[in-house]
Amino acid sequence: MTLELTADLFDGHVGQTFRVGGVDLTLVLTAVERRAMQAWEAEITSRPPFTLMFRGPADAILPEGLRTLEAEGGPAYDLYIIPTHTPSTAHQNYQAVFN
């Protein structure tokens, strides 16, 4: 059985650190952003779309790709992580989008 990833599943992880598998890097989940479902989307899926926002160090940018993120003391998730334009020089932002 495969666990369906939903926004509610990640709500409890906001502010938590995730270790990125295969590299010496951690990301912090900063927000779970929900988007209202369009009528046509409701016809093909029951899961409302959402985006996970992460923050990482500015000096080690993680390339876009499928990554295993393990919550501190918790479960691991395979997520497609994308670095986003980050105006700050103090950190790098990332997102995982679920349409």
PDB file of N, CA and C in Angstrom:
ATOM      1  N   MET A   1       0.845  -1.181   0.000  1.00  0.00           N
ATOM      2  CA  MET A   1       0.000   0.000   0.000  1.00  0.00           C
ATOM      3  C   MET A   1       0.890   1.244   0.000  1.00  0.00           C
ATOM      4  N   THR A   2       0.592   2.185  -0.869  1.00  0.00           N
ATOM      5  CA  THR A   2       1.350   3.423  -0.970  1.00  0.00           C
ATOM      6  C   THR A   2       0.622   4.522  -0.214  1.00  0.00           C
ATOM      7  N   LEU A   3       1.366   5.270   0.586  1.00  0.00           N
ATOM      8  CA  LEU A   3       0.811   6.364   1.356  1.00  0.00           C
ATOM      9  C   LEU A   3       0.538   7.541   0.434  1.00  0.00           C
ATOM     10  N   GLU A   4      -0.702   8.062   0.458  1.00  0.00           N
ATOM     11  CA  GLU A   4      -1.006   9.246  -0.338  1.00  0.00           C
ATOM     12  C   GLU A   4      -0.455  10.474   0.375  1.00  0.00           C
ATOM     13  N   LEU A   5       0.348  11.251  -0.337  1.00  0.00           N
ATOM     14  CA  LEU A   5       0.922  12.459   0.240  1.00  0.00           C
ATOM     15  C   LEU A   5      -0.082  13.591   0.120  1.00  0.00           C
ATOM     16  N   THR A   6      -0.443  14.156   1.269  1.00  0.00           N
ATOM     17  CA  THR A   6      -1.399  15.254   1.323  1.00  0.00           C
ATOM     18  C   THR A   6      -0.811  16.410   2.120  1.00  0.00           C
ATOM     19  N   ALA A   7      -1.411  17.577   1.974  1.00  0.00           N
ATOM     20  CA  ALA A   7      -0.964  18.745   2.740  1.00  0.00           C
ATOM     21  C   ALA A   7      -1.089  18.473   4.238  1.00  0.00           C
ATOM     22  N   ASP A   8      -2.177  17.842   4.646  1.00  0.00           N
ATOM     23  CA  ASP A   8      -2.394  17.549   6.071  1.00  0.00           C
ATOM     24  C   ASP A   8      -1.270  16.683   6.648  1.00  0.00           C
ATOM     25  N   LEU A   9      -0.745  15.770   5.849  1.00  0.00           N
ATOM     26  CA  LEU A   9       0.334  14.893   6.294  1.00  0.00           C
ATOM     27  C   LEU A   9       1.572  15.687   6.700  1.00  0.00           C
ATOM     28  N   PHE A  10       1.813  16.802   6.010  1.00  0.00           N
ATOM     29  CA  PHE A  10       3.021  17.589   6.254  1.00  0.00           C
ATOM     30  C   PHE A  10       2.831  18.734   7.246  1.00  0.00           C
ATOM     31  N   ASP A  11       1.604  19.059   7.600  1.00  0.00           N
ATOM     32  CA  ASP A  11       1.364  20.166   8.538  1.00  0.00           C
ATOM     33  C   ASP A  11       2.168  20.032   9.825  1.00  0.00           C
ATOM     34  N   GLY A  12       2.237  18.854  10.366  1.00  0.00           N
ATOM     35  CA  GLY A  12       2.948  18.625  11.619  1.00  0.00           C
ATOM     36  C   GLY A  12       4.465  18.684  11.492  1.00  0.00           C
ATOM     37  N   HIS A  13       4.961  18.748  10.264  1.00  0.00           N
ATOM     38  CA  HIS A  13       6.406  18.796  10.034  1.00  0.00           C
ATOM     39  C   HIS A  13       6.934  20.215   9.799  1.00  0.00           C
ATOM     40  N   VAL A  14       6.057  21.216   9.754  1.00  0.00           N
ATOM     41  CA  VAL A  14       6.518  22.590   9.520  1.00  0.00           C
ATOM     42  C   VAL A  14       7.457  22.995  10.655  1.00  0.00           C
ATOM     43  N   GLY A  15       8.611  23.539  10.267  1.00  0.00           N
ATOM     44  CA  GLY A  15       9.640  23.904  11.232  1.00  0.00           C
ATOM     45  C   GLY A  15      10.624  22.791  11.525  1.00  0.00           C
ATOM     46  N   GLN A  16      10.359  21.622  10.993  1.00  0.00           N
ATOM     47  CA  GLN A  16      11.206  20.453  11.248  1.00  0.00           C
ATOM     48  C   GLN A  16      12.322  20.344  10.209  1.00  0.00           C
ATOM     49  N   THR A  17      13.451  19.796  10.643  1.00  0.00           N
ATOM     50  CA  THR A  17      14.600  19.585   9.770  1.00  0.00           C
ATOM     51  C   THR A  17      14.498  18.223   9.094  1.00  0.00           C
ATOM     52  N   PHE A  18      14.826  18.202   7.797  1.00  0.00           N
ATOM     53  CA  PHE A  18      14.847  16.977   7.008  1.00  0.00           C
ATOM     54  C   PHE A  18      16.257  16.748   6.492  1.00  0.00           C
ATOM     55  N   ARG A  19      16.757  15.557   6.661  1.00  0.00           N
ATOM     56  CA  ARG A  19      18.061  15.178   6.125  1.00  0.00           C
ATOM     57  C   ARG A  19      17.844  14.694   4.690  1.00  0.00           C
ATOM     58  N   VAL A  20      18.660  15.199   3.760  1.00  0.00           N
ATOM     59  CA  VAL A  20      18.560  14.817   2.353  1.00  0.00           C
ATOM     60  C   VAL A  20      19.436  13.594   2.122  1.00  0.00           C
ATOM     61  N   GLY A  21      18.833  12.517   1.642  1.00  0.00           N
ATOM     62  CA  GLY A  21      19.562  11.277   1.412  1.00  0.00           C
ATOM     63  C   GLY A  21      20.656  11.422   0.372  1.00  0.00           C
ATOM     64  N   GLY A  22      21.811  10.837   0.645  1.00  0.00           N
ATOM     65  CA  GLY A  22      22.900  10.790  -0.302  1.00  0.00           C
ATOM     66  C   GLY A  22      23.808  12.001  -0.335  1.00  0.00           C
ATOM     67  N   VAL A  23      23.468  13.049   0.413  1.00  0.00           N
ATOM     68  CA  VAL A  23      24.307  14.253   0.478  1.00  0.00           C
ATOM     69  C   VAL A  23      24.352  14.753   1.917  1.00  0.00           C
ATOM     70  N   ASP A  24      25.351  15.541   2.223  1.00  0.00           N
ATOM     71  CA  ASP A  24      25.483  16.111   3.562  1.00  0.00           C
ATOM     72  C   ASP A  24      24.764  17.457   3.596  1.00  0.00           C
ATOM     73  N   LEU A  25      23.431  17.399   3.662  1.00  0.00           N
ATOM     74  CA  LEU A  25      22.621  18.608   3.601  1.00  0.00           C
ATOM     75  C   LEU A  25      21.305  18.385   4.329  1.00  0.00           C
ATOM     76  N   THR A  26      20.837  19.411   5.006  1.00  0.00           N
ATOM     77  CA  THR A  26      19.521  19.368   5.628  1.00  0.00           C
ATOM     78  C   THR A  26      18.698  20.537   5.117  1.00  0.00           C
ATOM     79  N   LEU A  27      17.390  20.332   5.076  1.00  0.00           N
ATOM     80  CA  LEU A  27      16.433  21.360   4.695  1.00  0.00           C
ATOM     81  C   LEU A  27      15.403  21.477   5.795  1.00  0.00           C
ATOM     82  N   VAL A  28      14.879  22.678   5.992  1.00  0.00           N
ATOM     83  CA  VAL A  28      13.824  22.904   6.974  1.00  0.00           C
ATOM     84  C   VAL A  28      12.526  23.160   6.219  1.00  0.00           C
ATOM     85  N   LEU A  29      11.480  22.446   6.576  1.00  0.00           N
ATOM     86  CA  LEU A  29      10.164  22.689   5.978  1.00  0.00           C
ATOM     87  C   LEU A  29       9.607  23.974   6.580  1.00  0.00           C
ATOM     88  N   THR A  30       9.427  25.005   5.748  1.00  0.00           N
ATOM     89  CA  THR A  30       8.997  26.313   6.252  1.00  0.00           C
ATOM     90  C   THR A  30       7.515  26.565   6.087  1.00  0.00           C
ATOM     91  N   ALA A  31       6.878  25.898   5.116  1.00  0.00           N
ATOM     92  CA  ALA A  31       5.444  26.146   4.897  1.00  0.00           C
ATOM     93  C   ALA A  31       4.825  25.036   4.061  1.00  0.00           C
ATOM     94  N   VAL A  32       3.522  24.858   4.262  1.00  0.00           N
ATOM     95  CA  VAL A  32       2.701  24.000   3.408  1.00  0.00           C
ATOM     96  C   VAL A  32       1.662  24.938   2.806  1.00  0.00           C
ATOM     97  N   GLU A  33       1.790  25.216   1.513  1.00  0.00           N
ATOM     98  CA  GLU A  33       0.895  26.158   0.841  1.00  0.00           C
ATOM     99  C   GLU A  33      -0.161  25.391   0.064  1.00  0.00           C
ATOM    100  N   ARG A  34      -1.409  25.668   0.375  1.00  0.00           N
ATOM    101  CA  ARG A  34      -2.526  25.008  -0.284  1.00  0.00           C
ATOM    102  C   ARG A  34      -3.074  25.905  -1.396  1.00  0.00           C
ATOM    103  N   ARG A  35      -3.621  25.256  -2.431  1.00  0.00           N
ATOM    104  CA  ARG A  35      -4.261  25.971  -3.522  1.00  0.00           C
ATOM    105  C   ARG A  35      -5.645  25.375  -3.711  1.00  0.00           C
ATOM    106  N   ALA A  36      -6.607  26.248  -3.952  1.00  0.00           N
ATOM    107  CA  ALA A  36      -7.971  25.766  -4.170  1.00  0.00           C
ATOM    108  C   ALA A  36      -8.010  24.909  -5.433  1.00  0.00           C
ATOM    109  N   MET A  37      -8.770  23.853  -5.367  1.00  0.00           N
ATOM    110  CA  MET A  37      -8.872  22.941  -6.498  1.00  0.00           C
ATOM    111  C   MET A  37      -9.835  23.510  -7.534  1.00  0.00           C
ATOM    112  N   GLN A  38      -9.423  23.487  -8.785  1.00  0.00           N
ATOM    113  CA  GLN A  38     -10.275  23.892  -9.898  1.00  0.00           C
ATOM    114  C   GLN A  38     -11.330  22.805 -10.133  1.00  0.00           C
ATOM    115  N   ALA A  39     -12.450  23.171 -10.739  1.00  0.00           N
ATOM    116  CA  ALA A  39     -13.527  22.208 -10.983  1.00  0.00           C
ATOM    117  C   ALA A  39     -13.040  21.027 -11.826  1.00  0.00           C
ATOM    118  N   TRP A  40     -12.230  21.296 -12.849  1.00  0.00           N
ATOM    119  CA  TRP A  40     -11.746  20.214 -13.705  1.00  0.00           C
ATOM    120  C   TRP A  40     -10.807  19.286 -12.946  1.00  0.00           C
ATOM    121  N   GLU A  41     -10.075  19.821 -11.956  1.00  0.00           N
ATOM    122  CA  GLU A  41      -9.179  18.984 -11.164  1.00  0.00           C
ATOM    123  C   GLU A  41      -9.970  18.032 -10.275  1.00  0.00           C
ATOM    124  N   ALA A  42     -11.068  18.525  -9.739  1.00  0.00           N
ATOM    125  CA  ALA A  42     -11.907  17.707  -8.855  1.00  0.00           C
ATOM    126  C   ALA A  42     -12.486  16.498  -9.591  1.00  0.00           C
ATOM    127  N   GLU A  43     -12.590  16.606 -10.912  1.00  0.00           N
ATOM    128  CA  GLU A  43     -13.114  15.491 -11.703  1.00  0.00           C
ATOM    129  C   GLU A  43     -12.103  14.357 -11.859  1.00  0.00           C
ATOM    130  N   ILE A  44     -10.805  14.675 -11.687  1.00  0.00           N
ATOM    131  CA  ILE A  44      -9.792  13.643 -11.932  1.00  0.00           C
ATOM    132  C   ILE A  44      -9.003  13.235 -10.689  1.00  0.00           C
ATOM    133  N   THR A  45      -9.118  14.006  -9.601  1.00  0.00           N
ATOM    134  CA  THR A  45      -8.377  13.648  -8.386  1.00  0.00           C
ATOM    135  C   THR A  45      -9.127  14.129  -7.153  1.00  0.00           C
ATOM    136  N   SER A  46      -8.878  13.481  -6.046  1.00  0.00           N
ATOM    137  CA  SER A  46      -9.531  13.890  -4.796  1.00  0.00           C
ATOM    138  C   SER A  46      -8.595  14.701  -3.906  1.00  0.00           C
ATOM    139  N   ARG A  47      -7.287  14.734  -4.252  1.00  0.00           N
ATOM    140  CA  ARG A  47      -6.320  15.438  -3.417  1.00  0.00           C
ATOM    141  C   ARG A  47      -6.153  16.873  -3.884  1.00  0.00           C
ATOM    142  N   PRO A  48      -6.439  17.842  -3.020  1.00  0.00           N
ATOM    143  CA  PRO A  48      -6.208  19.243  -3.389  1.00  0.00           C
ATOM    144  C   PRO A  48      -4.717  19.504  -3.606  1.00  0.00           C
ATOM    145  N   PRO A  49      -4.368  20.366  -4.572  1.00  0.00           N
ATOM    146  CA  PRO A  49      -2.964  20.662  -4.841  1.00  0.00           C
ATOM    147  C   PRO A  49      -2.316  21.442  -3.700  1.00  0.00           C
ATOM    148  N   PHE A  50      -1.016  21.216  -3.522  1.00  0.00           N
ATOM    149  CA  PHE A  50      -0.291  21.938  -2.481  1.00  0.00           C
ATOM    150  C   PHE A  50       1.190  21.973  -2.832  1.00  0.00           C
ATOM    151  N   THR A  51       1.904  22.866  -2.150  1.00  0.00           N
ATOM    152  CA  THR A  51       3.338  23.019  -2.346  1.00  0.00           C
ATOM    153  C   THR A  51       4.022  23.019  -0.997  1.00  0.00           C
ATOM    154  N   LEU A  52       5.108  22.262  -0.891  1.00  0.00           N
ATOM    155  CA  LEU A  52       5.939  22.283   0.306  1.00  0.00           C
ATOM    156  C   LEU A  52       7.087  23.244   0.056  1.00  0.00           C
ATOM    157  N   MET A  53       7.320  24.140   0.995  1.00  0.00           N
ATOM    158  CA  MET A  53       8.404  25.111   0.886  1.00  0.00           C
ATOM    159  C   MET A  53       9.488  24.747   1.899  1.00  0.00           C
ATOM    160  N   PHE A  54      10.727  24.662   1.417  1.00  0.00           N
ATOM    161  CA  PHE A  54      11.866  24.312   2.257  1.00  0.00           C
ATOM    162  C   PHE A  54      12.908  25.429   2.212  1.00  0.00           C
ATOM    163  N   ARG A  55      13.756  25.464   3.230  1.00  0.00           N
ATOM    164  CA  ARG A  55      14.878  26.399   3.280  1.00  0.00           C
ATOM    165  C   ARG A  55      16.135  25.616   3.614  1.00  0.00           C
ATOM    166  N   GLY A  56      17.212  25.937   2.879  1.00  0.00           N
ATOM    167  CA  GLY A  56      18.490  25.288   3.109  1.00  0.00           C
ATOM    168  C   GLY A  56      19.607  26.311   3.142  1.00  0.00           C
ATOM    169  N   PRO A  57      20.827  25.848   3.337  1.00  0.00           N
ATOM    170  CA  PRO A  57      21.965  26.775   3.399  1.00  0.00           C
ATOM    171  C   PRO A  57      22.232  27.409   2.037  1.00  0.00           C
ATOM    172  N   ALA A  58      22.765  28.624   2.067  1.00  0.00           N
ATOM    173  CA  ALA A  58      23.053  29.355   0.827  1.00  0.00           C
ATOM    174  C   ALA A  58      24.296  28.837   0.124  1.00  0.00           C
ATOM    175  N   ASP A  59      25.169  28.197   0.856  1.00  0.00           N
ATOM    176  CA  ASP A  59      26.466  27.814   0.288  1.00  0.00           C
ATOM    177  C   ASP A  59      26.500  26.416  -0.329  1.00  0.00           C
ATOM    178  N   ALA A  60      25.412  25.688  -0.297  1.00  0.00           N
ATOM    179  CA  ALA A  60      25.370  24.341  -0.872  1.00  0.00           C
ATOM    180  C   ALA A  60      24.019  24.136  -1.544  1.00  0.00           C
ATOM    181  N   ILE A  61      23.919  24.514  -2.807  1.00  0.00           N
ATOM    182  CA  ILE A  61      22.639  24.425  -3.512  1.00  0.00           C
ATOM    183  C   ILE A  61      22.421  23.009  -4.025  1.00  0.00           C
ATOM    184  N   LEU A  62      21.298  22.455  -3.667  1.00  0.00           N
ATOM    185  CA  LEU A  62      20.910  21.109  -4.068  1.00  0.00           C
ATOM    186  C   LEU A  62      20.298  21.166  -5.467  1.00  0.00           C
ATOM    187  N   PRO A  63      20.843  20.435  -6.443  1.00  0.00           N
ATOM    188  CA  PRO A  63      20.247  20.439  -7.779  1.00  0.00           C
ATOM    189  C   PRO A  63      18.845  19.819  -7.771  1.00  0.00           C
ATOM    190  N   GLU A  64      18.037  20.251  -8.712  1.00  0.00           N
ATOM    191  CA  GLU A  64      16.684  19.718  -8.872  1.00  0.00           C
ATOM    192  C   GLU A  64      16.732  18.213  -9.063  1.00  0.00           C
ATOM    193  N   GLY A  65      15.781  17.510  -8.435  1.00  0.00           N
ATOM    194  CA  GLY A  65      15.712  16.072  -8.634  1.00  0.00           C
ATOM    195  C   GLY A  65      14.910  15.359  -7.564  1.00  0.00           C
ATOM    196  N   LEU A  66      14.718  14.072  -7.773  1.00  0.00           N
ATOM    197  CA  LEU A  66      14.014  13.224  -6.821  1.00  0.00           C
ATOM    198  C   LEU A  66      14.953  12.936  -5.662  1.00  0.00           C
ATOM    199  N   ARG A  67      14.534  13.279  -4.467  1.00  0.00           N
ATOM    200  CA  ARG A  67      15.361  13.134  -3.261  1.00  0.00           C
ATOM    201  C   ARG A  67      14.570  12.422  -2.176  1.00  0.00           C
ATOM    202  N   THR A  68      15.278  11.690  -1.344  1.00  0.00           N
ATOM    203  CA  THR A  68      14.668  11.133  -0.145  1.00  0.00           C
ATOM    204  C   THR A  68      14.939  12.100   0.989  1.00  0.00           C
ATOM    205  N   LEU A  69      13.867  12.620   1.580  1.00  0.00           N
ATOM    206  CA  LEU A  69      13.988  13.527   2.717  1.00  0.00           C
ATOM    207  C   LEU A  69      13.478  12.809   3.950  1.00  0.00           C
ATOM    208  N   GLU A  70      14.347  12.713   4.950  1.00  0.00           N
ATOM    209  CA  GLU A  70      14.003  12.018   6.186  1.00  0.00           C
ATOM    210  C   GLU A  70      13.796  13.031   7.301  1.00  0.00           C
ATOM    211  N   ALA A  71      12.588  13.028   7.858  1.00  0.00           N
ATOM    212  CA  ALA A  71      12.272  13.933   8.960  1.00  0.00           C
ATOM    213  C   ALA A  71      13.070  13.541  10.186  1.00  0.00           C
ATOM    214  N   GLU A  72      13.471  14.535  10.941  1.00  0.00           N
ATOM    215  CA  GLU A  72      14.231  14.290  12.167  1.00  0.00           C
ATOM    216  C   GLU A  72      13.388  13.440  13.103  1.00  0.00           C
ATOM    217  N   GLY A  73      13.846  12.214  13.365  1.00  0.00           N
ATOM    218  CA  GLY A  73      13.120  11.312  14.247  1.00  0.00           C
ATOM    219  C   GLY A  73      11.813  10.812  13.673  1.00  0.00           C
ATOM    220  N   GLY A  74      11.656  10.894  12.355  1.00  0.00           N
ATOM    221  CA  GLY A  74      10.371  10.508  11.775  1.00  0.00           C
ATOM    222  C   GLY A  74      10.516   9.783  10.456  1.00  0.00           C
ATOM    223  N   PRO A  75       9.468   9.835   9.651  1.00  0.00           N
ATOM    224  CA  PRO A  75       9.444   9.094   8.393  1.00  0.00           C
ATOM    225  C   PRO A  75      10.302   9.744   7.307  1.00  0.00           C
ATOM    226  N   ALA A  76      10.508   8.999   6.233  1.00  0.00           N
ATOM    227  CA  ALA A  76      11.214   9.493   5.053  1.00  0.00           C
ATOM    228  C   ALA A  76      10.224   9.564   3.893  1.00  0.00           C
ATOM    229  N   TYR A  77      10.416  10.573   3.044  1.00  0.00           N
ATOM    230  CA  TYR A  77       9.544  10.782   1.885  1.00  0.00           C
ATOM    231  C   TYR A  77      10.407  10.959   0.644  1.00  0.00           C
ATOM    232  N   ASP A  78       9.994  10.377  -0.467  1.00  0.00           N
ATOM    233  CA  ASP A  78      10.642  10.611  -1.749  1.00  0.00           C
ATOM    234  C   ASP A  78       9.920  11.778  -2.415  1.00  0.00           C
ATOM    235  N   LEU A  79      10.635  12.907  -2.553  1.00  0.00           N
ATOM    236  CA  LEU A  79      10.036  14.133  -3.076  1.00  0.00           C
ATOM    237  C   LEU A  79      10.882  14.680  -4.211  1.00  0.00           C
ATOM    238  N   TYR A  80      10.231  15.276  -5.196  1.00  0.00           N
ATOM    239  CA  TYR A  80      10.945  15.950  -6.278  1.00  0.00           C
ATOM    240  C   TYR A  80      11.166  17.385  -5.824  1.00  0.00           C
ATOM    241  N   ILE A  81      12.404  17.715  -5.518  1.00  0.00           N
ATOM    242  CA  ILE A  81      12.770  19.011  -4.942  1.00  0.00           C
ATOM    243  C   ILE A  81      13.318  19.926  -6.043  1.00  0.00           C
ATOM    244  N   ILE A  82      12.853  21.171  -6.038  1.00  0.00           N
ATOM    245  CA  ILE A  82      13.269  22.155  -7.033  1.00  0.00           C
ATOM    246  C   ILE A  82      13.789  23.393  -6.311  1.00  0.00           C
ATOM    247  N   PRO A  83      15.026  23.817  -6.595  1.00  0.00           N
ATOM    248  CA  PRO A  83      15.493  25.082  -6.024  1.00  0.00           C
ATOM    249  C   PRO A  83      14.728  26.233  -6.695  1.00  0.00           C
ATOM    250  N   THR A  84      14.401  27.252  -5.929  1.00  0.00           N
ATOM    251  CA  THR A  84      13.664  28.398  -6.465  1.00  0.00           C
ATOM    252  C   THR A  84      14.512  29.655  -6.364  1.00  0.00           C
ATOM    253  N   HIS A  85      14.124  30.647  -7.139  1.00  0.00           N
ATOM    254  CA  HIS A  85      14.817  31.932  -7.062  1.00  0.00           C
ATOM    255  C   HIS A  85      14.705  32.440  -5.625  1.00  0.00           C
ATOM    256  N   THR A  86      15.857  32.747  -5.025  1.00  0.00           N
ATOM    257  CA  THR A  86      15.909  33.194  -3.633  1.00  0.00           C
ATOM    258  C   THR A  86      16.711  34.489  -3.571  1.00  0.00           C
ATOM    259  N   PRO A  87      16.048  35.635  -3.393  1.00  0.00           N
ATOM    260  CA  PRO A  87      16.770  36.908  -3.352  1.00  0.00           C
ATOM    261  C   PRO A  87      17.741  37.037  -2.173  1.00  0.00           C
ATOM    262  N   SER A  88      17.471  36.354  -1.089  1.00  0.00           N
ATOM    263  CA  SER A  88      18.336  36.423   0.088  1.00  0.00           C
ATOM    264  C   SER A  88      19.651  35.708  -0.160  1.00  0.00           C
ATOM    265  N   THR A  89      20.735  36.256   0.385  1.00  0.00           N
ATOM    266  CA  THR A  89      22.026  35.576   0.305  1.00  0.00           C
ATOM    267  C   THR A  89      22.275  34.720   1.543  1.00  0.00           C
ATOM    268  N   ALA A  90      21.326  34.722   2.473  1.00  0.00           N
ATOM    269  CA  ALA A  90      21.488  33.993   3.731  1.00  0.00           C
ATOM    270  C   ALA A  90      21.007  32.546   3.661  1.00  0.00           C
ATOM    271  N   HIS A  91      20.233  32.193   2.635  1.00  0.00           N
ATOM    272  CA  HIS A  91      19.698  30.838   2.515  1.00  0.00           C
ATOM    273  C   HIS A  91      19.279  30.575   1.073  1.00  0.00           C
ATOM    274  N   GLN A  92      18.887  29.331   0.799  1.00  0.00           N
ATOM    275  CA  GLN A  92      18.336  28.937  -0.501  1.00  0.00           C
ATOM    276  C   GLN A  92      16.981  28.291  -0.264  1.00  0.00           C
ATOM    277  N   ASN A  93      15.981  28.697  -1.029  1.00  0.00           N
ATOM    278  CA  ASN A  93      14.634  28.130  -0.927  1.00  0.00           C
ATOM    279  C   ASN A  93      14.449  27.015  -1.948  1.00  0.00           C
ATOM    280  N   TYR A  94      13.584  26.070  -1.591  1.00  0.00           N
ATOM    281  CA  TYR A  94      13.238  24.936  -2.444  1.00  0.00           C
ATOM    282  C   TYR A  94      11.729  24.693  -2.365  1.00  0.00           C
ATOM    283  N   GLN A  95      11.201  23.977  -3.349  1.00  0.00           N
ATOM    284  CA  GLN A  95       9.800  23.603  -3.291  1.00  0.00           C
ATOM    285  C   GLN A  95       9.593  22.183  -3.823  1.00  0.00           C
ATOM    286  N   ALA A  96       8.535  21.577  -3.355  1.00  0.00           N
ATOM    287  CA  ALA A  96       8.048  20.303  -3.888  1.00  0.00           C
ATOM    288  C   ALA A  96       6.574  20.535  -4.184  1.00  0.00           C
ATOM    289  N   VAL A  97       6.188  20.416  -5.450  1.00  0.00           N
ATOM    290  CA  VAL A  97       4.838  20.763  -5.895  1.00  0.00           C
ATOM    291  C   VAL A  97       4.023  19.501  -6.122  1.00  0.00           C
ATOM    292  N   PHE A  98       2.799  19.502  -5.614  1.00  0.00           N
ATOM    293  CA  PHE A  98       1.870  18.392  -5.776  1.00  0.00           C
ATOM    294  C   PHE A  98       0.617  18.922  -6.459  1.00  0.00           C
ATOM    295  N   ASN A  99       0.491  18.658  -7.759  1.00  0.00           N
ATOM    296  CA  ASN A  99      -0.682  19.127  -8.521  1.00  0.00           C
ATOM    297  C   ASN A  99      -1.789  18.110  -8.502  1.00  0.00           C
TER     298      ASN A  99
END
